[in-house]
Each structure stands twice: as structure tokens, then as C-alpha cells.
Amino acid sequence: MRWAGIVLVLAASLAAVGFGTGGLFALGTGELSAYGAWESSAYGAQEPSAQDSRALDTSSDPGTIPTQLRDPGTRSQALARILELAQDREGAARTLWVQALAVAEKAAPETGALAVEALLHVESAGGAEGAGGAGGDGAAGGAGVAGGAGVAGGAGSDGRDRAARMLVEAARDQSKDAADQAALLALAARILDGHDEAGAAHLRERLVTTHPSAPEAVEARLRLARHLAALGGDDGMERARSLVEDLIVEMPDHPLAPEARRFLAQLRSGR
């Protein structure tokens, strides 16, 4: 059977995790499109070899994707399988898998494999639906990953903590490219959204401080600003305004700039 690939249609969303200068701020179900011609996709114009086809036939278990990502001969199939996983999920879980796909596409093979392993860990613990929520505004949550304390939570809480820790530890590896470190921190923060808001904010603060030019830093600024504004207090509000103002001044044409302008107007009006 001829292998039909999958075409990514992510609008500007995929850019926040490394494909340019867009945002993954609000990923909708219409931003993924399946079953396009492989010949025109970003992954290549050739059908898989017989060896690769056998690998696909015998590797329906998502747990084999990291191994495929590490192997140049099966990397293309692994990327397609990640997209299929994203399509099979909804809401926050879909957003996480799309972000993992972006990491796997742009980063070193080992970094991409780590991203997928982290999400598989989250799902095995039953925490995928709660992770990566669109919240990010609240101040609830412990300091599990950021502060080292245990975090109380529902099913999957420990899985999210451990997955985020995996990525944070990998991001500390100075032998990794700076772009890979930024991508891992961004994904770790996304995993903690809706679960450990303080931890997610800590990681985004680290991201915008240590990797200010990374594509992921743009969305991180805006999400961090929302978190600080939700906490309240003069210092937090001032920091939130500063983050958003800098984003608008430095990147006025960024796809997230309109969102930043609306949020800045809210901050200035006290809403």
C-alpha cells in the first residue's frame, strides 16, 4: 500500500515552539489537517523504504516513537505518528502533542525523543487532559518542579511533575544547543499549566531570562505576564506590564502582538 503522509496546517500556532515567530497560545481543532499528499509535506518526497515500512507495521505502540526519532531511517515516520497522536486527542492534550511535534521536528533527535517520552509519561499516569490547560492566569498550584516541594493534586499529578522534571533536567545539560534547552523549558512549563502554576511561571521566567531570543520566549512572556497579573500586587502588576510592553515594542508584527496589546489595555484600565 502506498504510504499517505500527513500535512501540517497549524497557521501561526506552531511558530511559538520553533517554526518561526507565531504563537501556540490558543490551538484550535481546525488548525490540524490530516491526510494530505506525502510528496508535498515537510518531511520528504519519498515513500518509506521496505525496512521503514516494516518498522511502522510493527510499531503501533506509541512507546516506540522515541526510538524511531533517534534513528535517522525512521524519523519521518515518527514525526507522522506524533501528529496522528495529536489528532486523536482533544483540548490541552492535543496542544501538548503539537508542541512535542514541533520540538521533535526542529531539535536534535535526542531532544525530540525526550519530549515524547515526557508526554508518554504524563499519559501513562493519567494526567494528559489536565496538563497544558489554557488557564495560565491563576495563581493556584504548588512549587513542585520549581521549588522541589511535593505537589498535591488529582490523578496524574505525579506524572506531570516527573515529566516536567525530566525536561528541566535535560535543559540544564550545557552540551545541548540553546534552542533545544529553550524548547524543553517551554514544554515543561506547558505540562505544568493548570496543575502547578507557580512552577510553570518559574520555568517561563527562566526561559525569558536565559533564552530571551528564543521563539518560545514570546509566548512565555505573555503567559508569565498573565500569571503575575492574576497574583496581583504592585510589583507583580508592574512586572506584567513591563513584559507585555517589551513584547509589543520589540515584536510589533508578531502574531501574538494583538493579544498582547489587548492584555496591556486591560492592565492599564485596571480590569
Protein backbone atom coordinates (compact mmCIF):
# COMPACT_ATOMS: atom_id res chain seq x y z
CA MET A 1 0.00 0.00 0.00
CA ARG A 2 1.24 3.45 -0.85
CA TRP A 3 2.01 5.34 2.34
CA ALA A 4 -0.06 8.51 2.65
CA GLY A 5 1.55 11.11 4.87
CA ILE A 6 0.03 13.91 6.87
CA VAL A 7 0.23 17.61 6.09
CA LEU A 8 0.51 20.04 8.96
CA VAL A 9 -1.74 23.05 8.84
CA LEU A 10 -1.05 24.92 12.08
CA ALA A 11 -1.49 28.51 10.88
CA ALA A 12 0.79 30.64 13.05
CA SER A 13 0.42 28.39 16.06
CA LEU A 14 3.38 26.10 15.56
CA ALA A 15 5.77 29.01 15.33
CA ALA A 16 5.86 29.67 19.07
CA VAL A 17 7.57 26.36 19.57
CA GLY A 18 10.17 26.96 16.96
CA PHE A 19 8.82 27.22 13.44
CA GLY A 20 9.14 30.99 13.14
CA THR A 21 7.54 33.81 15.05
CA GLY A 22 3.90 32.77 15.54
CA GLY A 23 2.15 31.54 18.65
CA LEU A 24 0.73 28.38 20.16
CA PHE A 25 -1.38 30.43 22.54
CA ALA A 26 -4.77 29.04 21.53
CA LEU A 27 -4.61 25.94 19.42
CA GLY A 28 -7.95 25.09 17.84
CA THR A 29 -9.19 21.86 16.37
CA GLY A 30 -9.27 23.40 12.92
CA GLU A 31 -5.54 24.01 12.94
CA LEU A 32 -4.67 20.38 12.23
CA SER A 33 -5.40 18.89 8.83
CA ALA A 34 -4.84 15.24 8.01
CA TYR A 35 -4.29 13.02 5.03
CA GLY A 36 -2.52 15.28 2.56
CA ALA A 37 -0.07 14.01 -0.01
CA TRP A 38 3.24 12.97 1.47
CA GLU A 39 5.04 14.22 -1.59
CA SER A 40 4.16 17.83 -0.68
CA SER A 41 4.71 17.54 3.06
CA ALA A 42 7.59 18.99 5.05
CA TYR A 43 9.01 15.55 5.79
CA GLY A 44 10.10 14.47 2.35
CA ALA A 45 9.05 13.37 -1.10
CA GLN A 46 9.86 9.68 -0.90
CA GLU A 47 7.85 6.74 0.26
CA PRO A 48 9.44 4.85 3.16
CA SER A 49 11.81 2.05 2.40
CA ALA A 50 10.75 -1.54 2.94
CA GLN A 51 12.66 -1.54 6.20
CA ASP A 52 10.88 1.61 7.37
CA SER A 53 7.51 0.16 6.36
CA ARG A 54 8.17 -2.92 8.45
CA ALA A 55 9.06 -0.65 11.35
CA LEU A 56 5.71 1.12 11.00
CA ASP A 57 3.81 -2.14 10.77
CA THR A 58 5.33 -3.48 13.96
CA SER A 59 5.45 -0.26 15.98
CA SER A 60 1.86 0.69 16.76
CA ASP A 61 2.84 1.17 20.40
CA PRO A 62 3.48 4.91 20.94
CA GLY A 63 6.29 3.92 23.29
CA THR A 64 8.41 3.08 20.27
CA ILE A 65 8.28 6.63 18.88
CA PRO A 66 11.31 7.90 20.83
CA THR A 67 13.42 5.07 19.43
CA GLN A 68 12.22 5.89 15.92
CA LEU A 69 13.08 9.56 16.43
CA ARG A 70 16.62 8.65 17.40
CA ASP A 71 17.03 6.61 14.20
CA PRO A 72 17.51 8.76 11.05
CA GLY A 73 15.97 5.96 9.00
CA THR A 74 12.62 6.12 10.81
CA ARG A 75 12.48 9.73 11.97
CA SER A 76 9.99 10.80 9.28
CA GLN A 77 7.56 8.07 10.28
CA ALA A 78 7.94 9.01 13.94
CA LEU A 79 7.00 12.61 13.19
CA ALA A 80 3.92 11.45 11.30
CA ARG A 81 2.96 9.21 14.20
CA ILE A 82 3.25 12.10 16.66
CA LEU A 83 0.86 14.12 14.54
CA GLU A 84 -1.55 11.20 14.47
CA LEU A 85 -1.42 11.08 18.26
CA ALA A 86 -2.21 14.79 18.38
CA GLN A 87 -5.18 14.31 16.09
CA ASP A 88 -6.52 11.56 18.32
CA ARG A 89 -6.55 13.87 21.31
CA GLU A 90 -8.52 16.96 22.24
CA GLY A 91 -8.00 20.22 24.04
CA ALA A 92 -4.96 20.52 26.27
CA ALA A 93 -3.66 17.06 25.40
CA ARG A 94 -3.72 17.91 21.70
CA THR A 95 -1.82 21.14 22.32
CA LEU A 96 0.87 19.27 24.23
CA TRP A 97 1.39 16.77 21.43
CA VAL A 98 1.54 19.51 18.80
CA GLN A 99 4.20 21.25 20.85
CA ALA A 100 6.09 17.97 21.20
CA LEU A 101 5.88 17.54 17.42
CA ALA A 102 7.43 20.97 16.94
CA VAL A 103 10.25 20.08 19.32
CA ALA A 104 10.86 16.77 17.57
CA GLU A 105 10.87 18.44 14.15
CA LYS A 106 13.33 21.23 14.91
CA ALA A 107 15.52 19.88 17.71
CA ALA A 108 18.23 17.27 17.95
CA PRO A 109 16.92 13.68 17.81
CA GLU A 110 17.63 13.04 21.50
CA THR A 111 15.79 16.22 22.50
CA GLY A 112 12.75 15.29 20.45
CA ALA A 113 12.78 11.79 21.91
CA LEU A 114 12.88 13.26 25.44
CA ALA A 115 9.88 15.46 24.66
CA VAL A 116 7.84 12.48 23.52
CA GLU A 117 8.97 10.35 26.47
CA ALA A 118 7.80 13.09 28.84
CA LEU A 119 4.31 13.19 27.32
CA LEU A 120 4.05 9.42 27.30
CA HIS A 121 4.92 9.55 30.99
CA VAL A 122 2.16 12.10 31.59
CA GLU A 123 -0.39 9.98 29.78
CA SER A 124 0.63 6.76 31.48
CA ALA A 125 -0.05 8.49 34.80
CA GLY A 126 -3.43 9.69 33.61
CA GLY A 127 -2.61 13.37 33.64
CA ALA A 128 -2.65 14.46 29.99
CA GLU A 129 -6.08 16.05 29.99
CA GLY A 130 -5.26 18.19 32.98
CA ALA A 131 -1.91 19.35 31.69
CA GLY A 132 -1.26 22.26 29.43
CA GLY A 133 -4.61 23.87 30.10
CA ALA A 134 -5.48 27.21 28.66
CA GLY A 135 -5.54 28.63 32.18
CA GLY A 136 -2.14 30.02 32.98
CA ASP A 137 -3.84 33.02 34.59
CA GLY A 138 -4.41 31.58 38.02
CA ALA A 139 -2.15 31.56 40.99
CA ALA A 140 -3.14 28.12 42.22
CA GLY A 141 -0.65 25.31 42.40
CA GLY A 142 2.37 24.31 44.36
CA ALA A 143 6.05 24.66 43.78
CA GLY A 144 6.67 21.08 42.76
CA VAL A 145 9.14 21.43 39.93
CA ALA A 146 10.31 24.95 40.63
CA GLY A 147 10.77 24.69 44.35
CA GLY A 148 11.31 21.00 44.92
CA ALA A 149 8.31 20.56 47.19
CA GLY A 150 5.71 17.88 46.72
CA VAL A 151 2.52 18.93 44.96
CA ALA A 152 -0.88 17.68 45.95
CA GLY A 153 -3.22 17.00 43.12
CA GLY A 154 -5.51 14.59 41.39
CA ALA A 155 -4.76 11.66 39.14
CA GLY A 156 -1.72 12.27 37.02
CA SER A 157 -0.23 14.96 39.27
CA ASP A 158 2.91 12.98 39.98
CA GLY A 159 3.19 12.09 36.31
CA ARG A 160 3.14 15.74 35.29
CA ASP A 161 5.69 16.65 37.95
CA ARG A 162 8.05 13.89 36.92
CA ALA A 163 7.65 14.63 33.22
CA ALA A 164 8.42 18.30 33.78
CA ARG A 165 11.42 17.43 35.92
CA MET A 166 12.75 15.18 33.16
CA LEU A 167 12.65 18.07 30.72
CA VAL A 168 14.06 20.63 33.15
CA GLU A 169 16.99 18.36 33.99
CA ALA A 170 17.66 17.82 30.30
CA ALA A 171 17.53 21.58 29.71
CA ARG A 172 20.34 22.01 32.26
CA ASP A 173 22.64 19.97 30.04
CA GLN A 174 25.10 22.57 28.76
CA SER A 175 26.09 20.29 25.90
CA LYS A 176 22.63 20.80 24.40
CA ASP A 177 22.02 23.55 21.89
CA ALA A 178 20.47 26.67 23.44
CA ALA A 179 17.46 26.33 21.15
CA ASP A 180 16.87 22.80 22.45
CA GLN A 181 17.14 23.98 26.05
CA ALA A 182 14.51 26.66 25.40
CA ALA A 183 12.17 24.18 23.71
CA LEU A 184 12.42 21.77 26.64
CA LEU A 185 11.70 24.51 29.19
CA ALA A 186 8.68 25.68 27.20
CA LEU A 187 7.24 22.17 27.02
CA ALA A 188 7.88 21.59 30.73
CA ALA A 189 6.00 24.79 31.56
CA ARG A 190 3.12 23.76 29.31
CA ILE A 191 2.89 20.40 31.09
CA LEU A 192 2.55 22.21 34.44
CA ASP A 193 -0.16 24.62 33.26
CA GLY A 194 -3.38 24.08 35.19
CA HIS A 195 -1.54 21.95 37.74
CA ASP A 196 1.38 23.87 39.21
CA GLU A 197 1.01 27.46 38.07
CA ALA A 198 3.86 28.68 40.26
CA GLY A 199 6.15 26.05 38.78
CA ALA A 200 5.09 26.90 35.24
CA ALA A 201 5.70 30.60 35.91
CA HIS A 202 9.13 29.85 37.36
CA LEU A 203 10.11 27.96 34.21
CA ARG A 204 8.83 30.74 31.96
CA GLU A 205 10.76 33.31 33.98
CA ARG A 206 13.85 31.20 33.48
CA LEU A 207 13.11 30.84 29.78
CA VAL A 208 12.67 34.55 29.09
CA THR A 209 15.74 35.37 31.21
CA THR A 210 18.18 32.80 29.85
CA HIS A 211 16.83 32.47 26.29
CA PRO A 212 15.22 35.87 25.54
CA SER A 213 15.64 35.48 21.78
CA ALA A 214 14.14 32.01 21.54
CA PRO A 215 10.84 31.77 19.63
CA GLU A 216 9.31 30.14 22.71
CA ALA A 217 10.14 33.20 24.81
CA VAL A 218 7.44 35.28 23.14
CA GLU A 219 4.54 33.20 24.35
CA ALA A 220 6.33 32.66 27.65
CA ARG A 221 6.38 36.43 28.25
CA LEU A 222 2.66 36.74 27.69
CA ARG A 223 1.73 33.75 29.82
CA LEU A 224 4.07 34.87 32.57
CA ALA A 225 2.54 38.35 32.48
CA ARG A 226 -0.95 36.88 32.85
CA HIS A 227 0.16 34.81 35.81
CA LEU A 228 1.75 37.80 37.56
CA ALA A 229 -1.31 39.96 36.92
CA ALA A 230 -3.55 37.28 38.42
CA LEU A 231 -1.37 37.24 41.54
CA GLY A 232 -1.88 40.96 41.95
CA GLY A 233 0.25 43.33 43.97
CA ASP A 234 2.10 46.39 42.77
CA ASP A 235 5.33 44.57 41.94
CA GLY A 236 3.58 41.80 40.05
CA MET A 237 1.43 44.21 38.06
CA GLU A 238 4.44 46.35 37.18
CA ARG A 239 6.38 43.31 36.03
CA ALA A 240 3.41 42.11 33.98
CA ARG A 241 3.11 45.48 32.24
CA SER A 242 6.82 45.55 31.56
CA LEU A 243 6.79 42.09 29.99
CA VAL A 244 3.89 42.94 27.71
CA GLU A 245 5.19 46.38 26.76
CA ASP A 246 8.58 44.94 25.83
CA LEU A 247 6.93 42.28 23.70
CA ILE A 248 4.90 44.89 21.80
CA VAL A 249 7.84 47.25 21.29
CA GLU A 250 10.32 44.58 20.28
CA MET A 251 7.96 42.49 18.13
CA PRO A 252 5.09 44.71 16.93
CA ASP A 253 4.29 42.42 14.00
CA HIS A 254 4.39 39.13 15.90
CA PRO A 255 1.14 37.14 15.68
CA LEU A 256 0.81 37.41 19.46
CA ALA A 257 1.21 41.19 19.44
CA PRO A 258 -2.54 41.89 19.09
CA GLU A 259 -3.24 39.67 22.09
CA ALA A 260 -0.50 41.47 23.99
CA ARG A 261 -2.00 44.87 23.12
CA ARG A 262 -5.43 43.82 24.33
CA PHE A 263 -3.98 42.50 27.56
CA LEU A 264 -1.93 45.65 28.11
CA ALA A 265 -5.09 47.73 27.69
CA GLN A 266 -6.74 45.60 30.38
CA LEU A 267 -3.80 46.08 32.70
CA ARG A 268 -3.81 49.84 32.22
CA SER A 269 -7.55 50.08 32.78
CA GLY A 270 -7.31 48.00 35.93
CA ARG A 271 -9.55 45.23 34.62
